[in-house]
Amino acid sequence: MRKVLITLLALASVVLALRLGSTSLSLTQLLSGDLEAHTVVWQLRLPRVLLAALVGGGLALAGACIQGIFRNPLADPSLLGVAGGAAFAAALGIAFAPAVAASPWLLAGVAFVGGLLATLIVLSFGGRNTDLYTILLAGLAVNAAALALVGLIGVLSMETTFRSISFWTMGSLNQATWIDVGVASLILPCALLLIRRASTLDGLVLPDAEAQSLGIPVSQSRRQVIVLVAAITGIAVSLTGVIAFVGLIVPHMIRLSMGATHRTLLPCAFAGGAILIVLADLLSRTLIVPMEIPVGIITALLGAPIFVLLLRAQVKA
């Protein structure tokens, strides 16, 4: 019943986001084939809403997996360094490669490669046994260093370039296209592969010795999950920039309300992440019309107080 409810909420959020904006549309206009509504929906809103749903769902599912393998409900995909690596690569492209800066497609590709390279660096510190604590510390260091370099590039760049870098690193969906949606759809096979590993993820929550006694190849399985999570996060960040707190807050709240079994947790986290980003993006383009607030600012403002409350509950427990 809860799965059905969250699915219906996701569909309702999509319909709401298609209706509302600088020009509000009625359900009759959406369904009647009205020319104005058709143009607004198919050329502007639908690609943006679908991109928001795919990116939000992917980040939340990735967060659920990371929380499972790190056995920490406050873990986040940024622990792998992928978000910082993607942002750093994009900043380099914007500042020093005019051809990359002029092409959203090339910029997304450069950011994706940067995210994956950062993840490979983090994994190399973990060694063959994929030590969790070493990966955690390496990921935090790589992510912090990459974001610091992004700031340095911005400071050394021209004012217009600095604004471009700053806006990208805060997360935005205001230039969403159908090509972006096509690239973002690559998140779906990665998500399905992770959902198929739900029982393995349930085992990885246990201490390594217990997981191995169940026949789970711990190091190999953990590495496979990390690579899939890095792919999802890299694709998301390469298209929309850094969007904070989605991979931390959503899976944690889904786990509290629907249980920790990954067969339920993962698809529900995907739906919950889609709802959050679709609605956050709706707020970003309707709060101060005609200006747009980067969606990463909206999620940070919503997520930060929730994170503090979760952290207090964790400490008291």
C-alpha atoms as a PDB file:
ATOM      1  CA  MET A   1       0.000   0.000   0.000  1.00  0.00           C
ATOM      2  CA  ARG A   2       2.827   2.424   0.862  1.00  0.00           C
ATOM      3  CA  LYS A   3       4.564   1.672  -2.447  1.00  0.00           C
ATOM      4  CA  VAL A   4       1.357   2.516  -4.303  1.00  0.00           C
ATOM      5  CA  LEU A   5       0.958   5.731  -2.307  1.00  0.00           C
ATOM      6  CA  ILE A   6       4.473   7.008  -2.996  1.00  0.00           C
ATOM      7  CA  THR A   7       4.065   6.153  -6.691  1.00  0.00           C
ATOM      8  CA  LEU A   8       0.836   8.147  -6.833  1.00  0.00           C
ATOM      9  CA  LEU A   9       2.540  11.047  -5.051  1.00  0.00           C
ATOM     10  CA  ALA A  10       5.331  10.979  -7.636  1.00  0.00           C
ATOM     11  CA  LEU A  11       2.808  11.104 -10.492  1.00  0.00           C
ATOM     12  CA  ALA A  12       0.895  13.906  -8.758  1.00  0.00           C
ATOM     13  CA  SER A  13       4.093  15.953  -8.333  1.00  0.00           C
ATOM     14  CA  VAL A  14       4.845  15.565 -12.054  1.00  0.00           C
ATOM     15  CA  VAL A  15       1.349  16.766 -13.027  1.00  0.00           C
ATOM     16  CA  LEU A  16       1.622  19.706 -10.619  1.00  0.00           C
ATOM     17  CA  ALA A  17       5.015  20.709 -12.011  1.00  0.00           C
ATOM     18  CA  LEU A  18       3.658  20.552 -15.572  1.00  0.00           C
ATOM     19  CA  ARG A  19       0.716  22.786 -14.663  1.00  0.00           C
ATOM     20  CA  LEU A  20       2.455  25.494 -12.620  1.00  0.00           C
ATOM     21  CA  GLY A  21       5.052  28.041 -13.646  1.00  0.00           C
ATOM     22  CA  SER A  22       5.273  31.568 -14.996  1.00  0.00           C
ATOM     23  CA  THR A  23       2.223  30.543 -17.059  1.00  0.00           C
ATOM     24  CA  SER A  24      -0.229  28.325 -15.202  1.00  0.00           C
ATOM     25  CA  LEU A  25      -2.094  25.674 -17.169  1.00  0.00           C
ATOM     26  CA  SER A  26      -5.322  23.921 -16.267  1.00  0.00           C
ATOM     27  CA  LEU A  27      -5.829  20.170 -16.498  1.00  0.00           C
ATOM     28  CA  THR A  28      -8.212  20.846 -19.381  1.00  0.00           C
ATOM     29  CA  GLN A  29      -5.441  22.625 -21.291  1.00  0.00           C
ATOM     30  CA  LEU A  30      -3.012  19.791 -20.597  1.00  0.00           C
ATOM     31  CA  LEU A  31      -5.422  17.173 -21.897  1.00  0.00           C
ATOM     32  CA  SER A  32      -7.140  19.067 -24.716  1.00  0.00           C
ATOM     33  CA  GLY A  33      -4.174  19.603 -27.007  1.00  0.00           C
ATOM     34  CA  ASP A  34      -4.240  23.395 -26.606  1.00  0.00           C
ATOM     35  CA  LEU A  35      -1.455  24.835 -28.809  1.00  0.00           C
ATOM     36  CA  GLU A  36      -0.015  27.120 -26.120  1.00  0.00           C
ATOM     37  CA  ALA A  37      -0.082  24.341 -23.538  1.00  0.00           C
ATOM     38  CA  HIS A  38       1.489  21.904 -26.008  1.00  0.00           C
ATOM     39  CA  THR A  39       4.390  24.290 -26.677  1.00  0.00           C
ATOM     40  CA  VAL A  40       4.989  25.107 -23.009  1.00  0.00           C
ATOM     41  CA  VAL A  41       4.757  21.478 -21.866  1.00  0.00           C
ATOM     42  CA  TRP A  42       6.662  19.647 -24.606  1.00  0.00           C
ATOM     43  CA  GLN A  43       9.408  22.164 -25.257  1.00  0.00           C
ATOM     44  CA  LEU A  44      10.000  23.540 -21.754  1.00  0.00           C
ATOM     45  CA  ARG A  45       8.387  21.814 -18.795  1.00  0.00           C
ATOM     46  CA  LEU A  46       8.253  18.115 -19.631  1.00  0.00           C
ATOM     47  CA  PRO A  47      11.999  17.661 -20.330  1.00  0.00           C
ATOM     48  CA  ARG A  48      12.768  19.657 -17.189  1.00  0.00           C
ATOM     49  CA  VAL A  49      10.370  17.645 -15.026  1.00  0.00           C
ATOM     50  CA  LEU A  50      11.607  14.305 -16.396  1.00  0.00           C
ATOM     51  CA  LEU A  51      15.234  15.339 -15.839  1.00  0.00           C
ATOM     52  CA  ALA A  52      14.379  16.369 -12.280  1.00  0.00           C
ATOM     53  CA  ALA A  53      12.664  13.034 -11.625  1.00  0.00           C
ATOM     54  CA  LEU A  54      15.515  10.945 -13.044  1.00  0.00           C
ATOM     55  CA  VAL A  55      18.251  12.906 -11.269  1.00  0.00           C
ATOM     56  CA  GLY A  56      16.387  13.081  -7.950  1.00  0.00           C
ATOM     57  CA  GLY A  57      15.453   9.414  -8.057  1.00  0.00           C
ATOM     58  CA  GLY A  58      18.971   8.354  -8.977  1.00  0.00           C
ATOM     59  CA  LEU A  59      20.638  10.415  -6.247  1.00  0.00           C
ATOM     60  CA  ALA A  60      18.244   9.128  -3.571  1.00  0.00           C
ATOM     61  CA  LEU A  61      18.685   5.493  -4.629  1.00  0.00           C
ATOM     62  CA  ALA A  62      22.464   5.974  -4.718  1.00  0.00           C
ATOM     63  CA  GLY A  63      22.288   7.408  -1.211  1.00  0.00           C
ATOM     64  CA  ALA A  64      20.311   4.411   0.035  1.00  0.00           C
ATOM     65  CA  CYS A  65      23.001   2.071  -1.315  1.00  0.00           C
ATOM     66  CA  ILE A  66      25.857   4.084   0.181  1.00  0.00           C
ATOM     67  CA  GLN A  67      24.135   4.174   3.565  1.00  0.00           C
ATOM     68  CA  GLY A  68      23.769   0.409   3.390  1.00  0.00           C
ATOM     69  CA  ILE A  69      27.338  -0.523   2.497  1.00  0.00           C
ATOM     70  CA  PHE A  70      28.822   2.032   4.902  1.00  0.00           C
ATOM     71  CA  ARG A  71      26.329   0.902   7.592  1.00  0.00           C
ATOM     72  CA  ASN A  72      25.668   4.560   8.336  1.00  0.00           C
ATOM     73  CA  PRO A  73      22.226   6.190   7.848  1.00  0.00           C
ATOM     74  CA  LEU A  74      23.901   9.586   7.542  1.00  0.00           C
ATOM     75  CA  ALA A  75      26.185   8.629   4.632  1.00  0.00           C
ATOM     76  CA  ASP A  76      25.880  10.322   1.241  1.00  0.00           C
ATOM     77  CA  PRO A  77      27.093   9.683  -2.363  1.00  0.00           C
ATOM     78  CA  SER A  78      29.463  12.644  -2.037  1.00  0.00           C
ATOM     79  CA  LEU A  79      31.560  10.413   0.252  1.00  0.00           C
ATOM     80  CA  LEU A  80      32.912   8.817  -2.937  1.00  0.00           C
ATOM     81  CA  GLY A  81      34.280  12.144  -4.167  1.00  0.00           C
ATOM     82  CA  VAL A  82      32.257  11.869  -7.358  1.00  0.00           C
ATOM     83  CA  ALA A  83      30.310  15.137  -6.924  1.00  0.00           C
ATOM     84  CA  GLY A  84      33.463  17.151  -6.244  1.00  0.00           C
ATOM     85  CA  GLY A  85      35.321  15.478  -9.105  1.00  0.00           C
ATOM     86  CA  ALA A  86      32.520  16.220 -11.557  1.00  0.00           C
ATOM     87  CA  ALA A  87      32.272  19.843 -10.413  1.00  0.00           C
ATOM     88  CA  PHE A  88      36.046  20.307 -10.705  1.00  0.00           C
ATOM     89  CA  ALA A  89      36.157  18.892 -14.240  1.00  0.00           C
ATOM     90  CA  ALA A  90      33.231  21.093 -15.290  1.00  0.00           C
ATOM     91  CA  ALA A  91      34.883  24.182 -13.787  1.00  0.00           C
ATOM     92  CA  LEU A  92      38.081  23.441 -15.725  1.00  0.00           C
ATOM     93  CA  GLY A  93      36.075  23.115 -18.927  1.00  0.00           C
ATOM     94  CA  ILE A  94      34.153  26.341 -18.362  1.00  0.00           C
ATOM     95  CA  ALA A  95      37.257  28.357 -17.471  1.00  0.00           C
ATOM     96  CA  PHE A  96      39.865  27.035 -19.905  1.00  0.00           C
ATOM     97  CA  ALA A  97      38.119  25.277 -22.815  1.00  0.00           C
ATOM     98  CA  PRO A  98      35.738  27.550 -24.750  1.00  0.00           C
ATOM     99  CA  ALA A  99      34.516  24.653 -26.909  1.00  0.00           C
ATOM    100  CA  VAL A 100      33.496  22.706 -23.789  1.00  0.00           C
ATOM    101  CA  ALA A 101      31.899  25.732 -22.168  1.00  0.00           C
ATOM    102  CA  ALA A 102      29.835  26.385 -25.307  1.00  0.00           C
ATOM    103  CA  SER A 103      28.466  22.843 -25.531  1.00  0.00           C
ATOM    104  CA  PRO A 104      26.213  21.476 -22.759  1.00  0.00           C
ATOM    105  CA  TRP A 105      26.813  18.003 -24.184  1.00  0.00           C
ATOM    106  CA  LEU A 106      30.615  18.273 -23.950  1.00  0.00           C
ATOM    107  CA  LEU A 107      30.361  19.893 -20.525  1.00  0.00           C
ATOM    108  CA  ALA A 108      28.239  16.991 -19.252  1.00  0.00           C
ATOM    109  CA  GLY A 109      30.731  14.481 -20.677  1.00  0.00           C
ATOM    110  CA  VAL A 110      33.720  16.209 -19.097  1.00  0.00           C
ATOM    111  CA  ALA A 111      31.960  16.384 -15.714  1.00  0.00           C
ATOM    112  CA  PHE A 112      31.004  12.702 -15.895  1.00  0.00           C
ATOM    113  CA  VAL A 113      34.596  11.656 -16.624  1.00  0.00           C
ATOM    114  CA  GLY A 114      35.833  13.871 -13.766  1.00  0.00           C
ATOM    115  CA  GLY A 115      33.414  12.225 -11.340  1.00  0.00           C
ATOM    116  CA  LEU A 116      34.448   8.711 -12.326  1.00  0.00           C
ATOM    117  CA  LEU A 117      38.160   9.554 -12.105  1.00  0.00           C
ATOM    118  CA  ALA A 118      37.639  10.916  -8.593  1.00  0.00           C
ATOM    119  CA  THR A 119      35.856   7.700  -7.620  1.00  0.00           C
ATOM    120  CA  LEU A 120      38.679   5.551  -9.012  1.00  0.00           C
ATOM    121  CA  ILE A 121      41.177   7.575  -6.973  1.00  0.00           C
ATOM    122  CA  VAL A 122      39.096   7.029  -3.828  1.00  0.00           C
ATOM    123  CA  LEU A 123      38.755   3.298  -4.509  1.00  0.00           C
ATOM    124  CA  SER A 124      42.514   2.960  -5.032  1.00  0.00           C
ATOM    125  CA  PHE A 125      43.028   4.042  -1.409  1.00  0.00           C
ATOM    126  CA  GLY A 126      40.715   1.263  -0.242  1.00  0.00           C
ATOM    127  CA  GLY A 127      42.976  -1.434  -1.615  1.00  0.00           C
ATOM    128  CA  ARG A 128      41.912  -4.860  -2.790  1.00  0.00           C
ATOM    129  CA  ASN A 129      39.749  -5.458   0.298  1.00  0.00           C
ATOM    130  CA  THR A 130      37.798  -2.204  -0.189  1.00  0.00           C
ATOM    131  CA  ASP A 131      38.292  -1.018   3.397  1.00  0.00           C
ATOM    132  CA  LEU A 132      35.273   1.120   4.294  1.00  0.00           C
ATOM    133  CA  TYR A 133      36.936   3.515   6.693  1.00  0.00           C
ATOM    134  CA  THR A 134      39.809   4.225   4.320  1.00  0.00           C
ATOM    135  CA  ILE A 135      37.348   4.861   1.474  1.00  0.00           C
ATOM    136  CA  LEU A 136      35.308   7.157   3.738  1.00  0.00           C
ATOM    137  CA  LEU A 137      38.308   9.303   4.664  1.00  0.00           C
ATOM    138  CA  ALA A 138      39.703   9.308   1.115  1.00  0.00           C
ATOM    139  CA  GLY A 139      36.314  10.297  -0.301  1.00  0.00           C
ATOM    140  CA  LEU A 140      35.927  13.190   2.120  1.00  0.00           C
ATOM    141  CA  ALA A 141      39.449  14.408   1.323  1.00  0.00           C
ATOM    142  CA  VAL A 142      39.050  14.133  -2.464  1.00  0.00           C
ATOM    143  CA  ASN A 143      35.634  15.814  -2.412  1.00  0.00           C
ATOM    144  CA  ALA A 144      36.853  18.679  -0.209  1.00  0.00           C
ATOM    145  CA  ALA A 145      39.989  19.206  -2.314  1.00  0.00           C
ATOM    146  CA  ALA A 146      38.021  19.163  -5.583  1.00  0.00           C
ATOM    147  CA  LEU A 147      35.456  21.692  -4.356  1.00  0.00           C
ATOM    148  CA  ALA A 148      38.240  23.911  -3.015  1.00  0.00           C
ATOM    149  CA  LEU A 149      39.866  23.851  -6.467  1.00  0.00           C
ATOM    150  CA  VAL A 150      36.519  24.776  -8.014  1.00  0.00           C
ATOM    151  CA  GLY A 151      36.452  27.846  -5.770  1.00  0.00           C
ATOM    152  CA  LEU A 152      40.036  28.699  -6.713  1.00  0.00           C
ATOM    153  CA  ILE A 153      39.262  28.452 -10.441  1.00  0.00           C
ATOM    154  CA  GLY A 154      36.255  30.700  -9.927  1.00  0.00           C
ATOM    155  CA  VAL A 155      38.307  33.321  -8.088  1.00  0.00           C
ATOM    156  CA  LEU A 156      40.992  33.338 -10.797  1.00  0.00           C
ATOM    157  CA  SER A 157      38.466  33.526 -13.649  1.00  0.00           C
ATOM    158  CA  MET A 158      36.674  36.469 -15.232  1.00  0.00           C
ATOM    159  CA  GLU A 159      33.454  37.633 -13.601  1.00  0.00           C
ATOM    160  CA  THR A 160      31.171  36.076 -16.225  1.00  0.00           C
ATOM    161  CA  THR A 161      33.004  32.743 -15.988  1.00  0.00           C
ATOM    162  CA  PHE A 162      32.843  32.876 -12.195  1.00  0.00           C
ATOM    163  CA  ARG A 163      29.058  33.336 -12.330  1.00  0.00           C
ATOM    164  CA  SER A 164      28.764  30.371 -14.689  1.00  0.00           C
ATOM    165  CA  ILE A 165      30.868  28.130 -12.448  1.00  0.00           C
ATOM    166  CA  SER A 166      29.028  29.239  -9.307  1.00  0.00           C
ATOM    167  CA  PHE A 167      25.604  28.651 -10.828  1.00  0.00           C
ATOM    168  CA  TRP A 168      26.610  25.199 -12.094  1.00  0.00           C
ATOM    169  CA  THR A 169      27.978  24.073  -8.730  1.00  0.00           C
ATOM    170  CA  MET A 170      24.755  25.108  -6.962  1.00  0.00           C
ATOM    171  CA  GLY A 171      22.628  22.814  -9.129  1.00  0.00           C
ATOM    172  CA  SER A 172      20.231  23.896 -11.828  1.00  0.00           C
ATOM    173  CA  LEU A 173      17.716  22.457 -14.286  1.00  0.00           C
ATOM    174  CA  ASN A 174      16.902  25.670 -16.153  1.00  0.00           C
ATOM    175  CA  GLN A 175      18.510  24.548 -19.432  1.00  0.00           C
ATOM    176  CA  ALA A 176      17.035  21.044 -19.546  1.00  0.00           C
ATOM    177  CA  THR A 177      16.602  19.581 -23.027  1.00  0.00           C
ATOM    178  CA  TRP A 178      15.382  16.301 -24.439  1.00  0.00           C
ATOM    179  CA  ILE A 179      19.037  15.386 -25.047  1.00  0.00           C
ATOM    180  CA  ASP A 180      19.665  15.811 -21.314  1.00  0.00           C
ATOM    181  CA  VAL A 181      16.692  13.544 -20.606  1.00  0.00           C
ATOM    182  CA  GLY A 182      18.163  10.942 -22.954  1.00  0.00           C
ATOM    183  CA  VAL A 183      21.503  11.036 -21.135  1.00  0.00           C
ATOM    184  CA  ALA A 184      19.765  10.957 -17.741  1.00  0.00           C
ATOM    185  CA  SER A 185      17.840   7.849 -18.805  1.00  0.00           C
ATOM    186  CA  LEU A 186      21.156   5.981 -18.457  1.00  0.00           C
ATOM    187  CA  ILE A 187      20.492   6.245 -14.720  1.00  0.00           C
ATOM    188  CA  LEU A 188      17.654   3.725 -15.094  1.00  0.00           C
ATOM    189  CA  PRO A 189      19.711   0.620 -16.044  1.00  0.00           C
ATOM    190  CA  CYS A 190      22.179   1.406 -13.249  1.00  0.00           C
ATOM    191  CA  ALA A 191      19.266   1.749 -10.816  1.00  0.00           C
ATOM    192  CA  LEU A 192      17.755  -1.554 -11.977  1.00  0.00           C
ATOM    193  CA  LEU A 193      21.108  -3.325 -11.499  1.00  0.00           C
ATOM    194  CA  LEU A 194      21.263  -2.006  -7.942  1.00  0.00           C
ATOM    195  CA  ILE A 195      17.652  -3.034  -7.215  1.00  0.00           C
ATOM    196  CA  ARG A 196      18.508  -6.541  -8.462  1.00  0.00           C
ATOM    197  CA  ARG A 197      21.261  -6.574  -5.811  1.00  0.00           C
ATOM    198  CA  ALA A 198      18.779  -5.787  -3.017  1.00  0.00           C
ATOM    199  CA  SER A 199      19.338  -9.075  -1.177  1.00  0.00           C
ATOM    200  CA  THR A 200      23.114  -8.636  -1.474  1.00  0.00           C
ATOM    201  CA  LEU A 201      22.818  -5.134  -0.038  1.00  0.00           C
ATOM    202  CA  ASP A 202      20.813  -6.558   2.876  1.00  0.00           C
ATOM    203  CA  GLY A 203      23.758  -8.878   3.525  1.00  0.00           C
ATOM    204  CA  LEU A 204      26.372  -6.125   3.238  1.00  0.00           C
ATOM    205  CA  VAL A 205      24.703  -4.294   6.131  1.00  0.00           C
ATOM    206  CA  LEU A 206      25.905  -7.159   8.353  1.00  0.00           C
ATOM    207  CA  PRO A 207      29.499  -7.443   9.616  1.00  0.00           C
ATOM    208  CA  ASP A 208      31.809  -8.778   6.901  1.00  0.00           C
ATOM    209  CA  ALA A 209      32.279 -12.171   8.556  1.00  0.00           C
ATOM    210  CA  GLU A 210      28.529 -12.767   8.759  1.00  0.00           C
ATOM    211  CA  ALA A 211      27.988 -11.618   5.177  1.00  0.00           C
ATOM    212  CA  GLN A 212      30.702 -13.973   3.950  1.00  0.00           C
ATOM    213  CA  SER A 213      29.134 -16.846   5.871  1.00  0.00           C
ATOM    214  CA  LEU A 214      25.980 -16.227   3.814  1.00  0.00           C
ATOM    215  CA  GLY A 215      27.992 -16.761   0.633  1.00  0.00           C
ATOM    216  CA  ILE A 216      28.289 -13.058  -0.308  1.00  0.00           C
ATOM    217  CA  PRO A 217      31.635 -12.057  -1.911  1.00  0.00           C
ATOM    218  CA  VAL A 218      31.881  -8.930   0.227  1.00  0.00           C
ATOM    219  CA  SER A 219      34.722  -6.982  -1.420  1.00  0.00           C
ATOM    220  CA  GLN A 220      33.602  -7.743  -4.978  1.00  0.00           C
ATOM    221  CA  SER A 221      29.949  -6.917  -4.262  1.00  0.00           C
ATOM    222  CA  ARG A 222      30.833  -3.729  -2.427  1.00  0.00           C
ATOM    223  CA  ARG A 223      33.053  -2.557  -5.281  1.00  0.00           C
ATOM    224  CA  GLN A 224      30.306  -3.271  -7.843  1.00  0.00           C
ATOM    225  CA  VAL A 225      27.798  -1.250  -5.829  1.00  0.00           C
ATOM    226  CA  ILE A 226      30.227   1.652  -5.461  1.00  0.00           C
ATOM    227  CA  VAL A 227      30.909   1.737  -9.218  1.00  0.00           C
ATOM    228  CA  LEU A 228      27.171   1.760 -10.031  1.00  0.00           C
ATOM    229  CA  VAL A 229      26.549   4.480  -7.435  1.00  0.00           C
ATOM    230  CA  ALA A 230      29.404   6.522  -8.898  1.00  0.00           C
ATOM    231  CA  ALA A 231      27.959   6.132 -12.397  1.00  0.00           C
ATOM    232  CA  ILE A 232      24.514   7.344 -11.271  1.00  0.00           C
ATOM    233  CA  THR A 233      25.938  10.275  -9.307  1.00  0.00           C
ATOM    234  CA  GLY A 234      28.342  11.201 -12.101  1.00  0.00           C
ATOM    235  CA  ILE A 235      25.541  11.264 -14.681  1.00  0.00           C
ATOM    236  CA  ALA A 236      23.334  13.340 -12.377  1.00  0.00           C
ATOM    237  CA  VAL A 237      25.998  15.884 -11.434  1.00  0.00           C
ATOM    238  CA  SER A 238      27.185  16.177 -15.043  1.00  0.00           C
ATOM    239  CA  LEU A 239      23.694  17.276 -16.132  1.00  0.00           C
ATOM    240  CA  THR A 240      22.463  19.418 -13.251  1.00  0.00           C
ATOM    241  CA  GLY A 241      25.452  20.320 -11.092  1.00  0.00           C
ATOM    242  CA  VAL A 242      25.753  19.576  -7.391  1.00  0.00           C
ATOM    243  CA  ILE A 243      22.373  19.144  -5.676  1.00  0.00           C
ATOM    244  CA  ALA A 244      22.833  18.729  -1.934  1.00  0.00           C
ATOM    245  CA  PHE A 245      21.131  16.497   0.634  1.00  0.00           C
ATOM    246  CA  VAL A 246      18.954  14.404  -1.727  1.00  0.00           C
ATOM    247  CA  GLY A 247      21.038  11.267  -1.314  1.00  0.00           C
ATOM    248  CA  LEU A 248      21.178  11.744   2.455  1.00  0.00           C
ATOM    249  CA  ILE A 249      17.714  12.854   3.557  1.00  0.00           C
ATOM    250  CA  VAL A 250      15.375  10.899   1.273  1.00  0.00           C
ATOM    251  CA  PRO A 251      16.660   7.327   1.857  1.00  0.00           C
ATOM    252  CA  HIS A 252      16.933   7.973   5.592  1.00  0.00           C
ATOM    253  CA  MET A 253      13.303   9.092   5.797  1.00  0.00           C
ATOM    254  CA  ILE A 254      12.115   6.226   3.573  1.00  0.00           C
ATOM    255  CA  ARG A 255      13.981   3.787   5.818  1.00  0.00           C
ATOM    256  CA  LEU A 256      12.270   5.202   8.912  1.00  0.00           C
ATOM    257  CA  SER A 257       8.793   5.023   7.370  1.00  0.00           C
ATOM    258  CA  MET A 258       8.967   1.860   5.245  1.00  0.00           C
ATOM    259  CA  GLY A 259      11.694  -0.297   6.750  1.00  0.00           C
ATOM    260  CA  ALA A 260      15.301  -1.089   5.902  1.00  0.00           C
ATOM    261  CA  THR A 261      14.789  -4.024   3.507  1.00  0.00           C
ATOM    262  CA  HIS A 262      16.443  -2.916   0.283  1.00  0.00           C
ATOM    263  CA  ARG A 263      13.839  -4.563  -1.958  1.00  0.00           C
ATOM    264  CA  THR A 264      11.377  -1.965  -0.649  1.00  0.00           C
ATOM    265  CA  LEU A 265      13.837   0.789   0.250  1.00  0.00           C
ATOM    266  CA  LEU A 266      15.486   1.224  -3.153  1.00  0.00           C
ATOM    267  CA  PRO A 267      12.432   1.722  -5.418  1.00  0.00           C
ATOM    268  CA  CYS A 268      10.701   3.857  -2.776  1.00  0.00           C
ATOM    269  CA  ALA A 269      13.838   5.982  -2.358  1.00  0.00           C
ATOM    270  CA  PHE A 270      13.889   6.481  -6.142  1.00  0.00           C
ATOM    271  CA  ALA A 271      10.270   7.668  -6.076  1.00  0.00           C
ATOM    272  CA  GLY A 272      10.913   9.866  -3.026  1.00  0.00           C
ATOM    273  CA  GLY A 273      13.954  11.497  -4.618  1.00  0.00           C
ATOM    274  CA  ALA A 274      11.980  12.174  -7.786  1.00  0.00           C
ATOM    275  CA  ILE A 275       9.216  13.847  -5.752  1.00  0.00           C
ATOM    276  CA  LEU A 276      11.703  16.018  -3.840  1.00  0.00           C
ATOM    277  CA  ILE A 277      13.575  17.366  -6.869  1.00  0.00           C
ATOM    278  CA  VAL A 278      10.454  17.850  -9.005  1.00  0.00           C
ATOM    279  CA  LEU A 279       8.846  19.920  -6.227  1.00  0.00           C
ATOM    280  CA  ALA A 280      12.091  21.718  -5.330  1.00  0.00           C
ATOM    281  CA  ASP A 281      12.536  22.695  -8.970  1.00  0.00           C
ATOM    282  CA  LEU A 282       8.926  23.882  -9.071  1.00  0.00           C
ATOM    283  CA  LEU A 283       9.711  26.148  -6.107  1.00  0.00           C
ATOM    284  CA  SER A 284      12.938  27.324  -7.736  1.00  0.00           C
ATOM    285  CA  ARG A 285      11.071  28.677 -10.791  1.00  0.00           C
ATOM    286  CA  THR A 286       7.933  30.025  -9.088  1.00  0.00           C
ATOM    287  CA  LEU A 287       9.094  31.666  -5.839  1.00  0.00           C
ATOM    288  CA  ILE A 288      10.619  34.777  -7.463  1.00  0.00           C
ATOM    289  CA  VAL A 289       9.211  35.016 -10.990  1.00  0.00           C
ATOM    290  CA  PRO A 290      10.810  35.719 -13.475  1.00  0.00           C
ATOM    291  CA  MET A 291      14.071  34.926 -11.624  1.00  0.00           C
ATOM    292  CA  GLU A 292      15.054  31.341 -10.851  1.00  0.00           C
ATOM    293  CA  ILE A 293      16.722  30.110  -7.696  1.00  0.00           C
ATOM    294  CA  PRO A 294      19.228  27.266  -8.270  1.00  0.00           C
ATOM    295  CA  VAL A 295      17.545  24.055  -7.172  1.00  0.00           C
ATOM    296  CA  GLY A 296      20.601  23.127  -5.098  1.00  0.00           C
ATOM    297  CA  ILE A 297      19.896  26.128  -2.860  1.00  0.00           C
ATOM    298  CA  ILE A 298      16.304  24.959  -2.350  1.00  0.00           C
ATOM    299  CA  THR A 299      17.356  21.425  -1.389  1.00  0.00           C
ATOM    300  CA  ALA A 300      20.084  22.752   0.923  1.00  0.00           C
ATOM    301  CA  LEU A 301      17.644  25.062   2.706  1.00  0.00           C
ATOM    302  CA  LEU A 302      15.161  22.202   3.100  1.00  0.00           C
ATOM    303  CA  GLY A 303      17.731  19.519   3.878  1.00  0.00           C
ATOM    304  CA  ALA A 304      20.026  21.281   6.352  1.00  0.00           C
ATOM    305  CA  PRO A 305      17.512  21.572   9.238  1.00  0.00           C
ATOM    306  CA  ILE A 306      16.267  18.025   8.610  1.00  0.00           C
ATOM    307  CA  PHE A 307      19.864  16.787   8.701  1.00  0.00           C
ATOM    308  CA  VAL A 308      20.461  18.554  12.035  1.00  0.00           C
ATOM    309  CA  LEU A 309      17.366  16.891  13.493  1.00  0.00           C
ATOM    310  CA  LEU A 310      18.444  13.472  12.212  1.00  0.00           C
ATOM    311  CA  LEU A 311      21.948  14.028  13.605  1.00  0.00           C
ATOM    312  CA  ARG A 312      20.531  14.931  17.041  1.00  0.00           C
ATOM    313  CA  ALA A 313      18.361  11.808  17.004  1.00  0.00           C
ATOM    314  CA  GLN A 314      21.410   9.731  16.033  1.00  0.00           C
ATOM    315  CA  VAL A 315      23.475  11.170  18.892  1.00  0.00           C
ATOM    316  CA  LYS A 316      20.695  10.559  21.453  1.00  0.00           C
ATOM    317  CA  ALA A 317      20.295   6.984  20.224  1.00  0.00           C
END
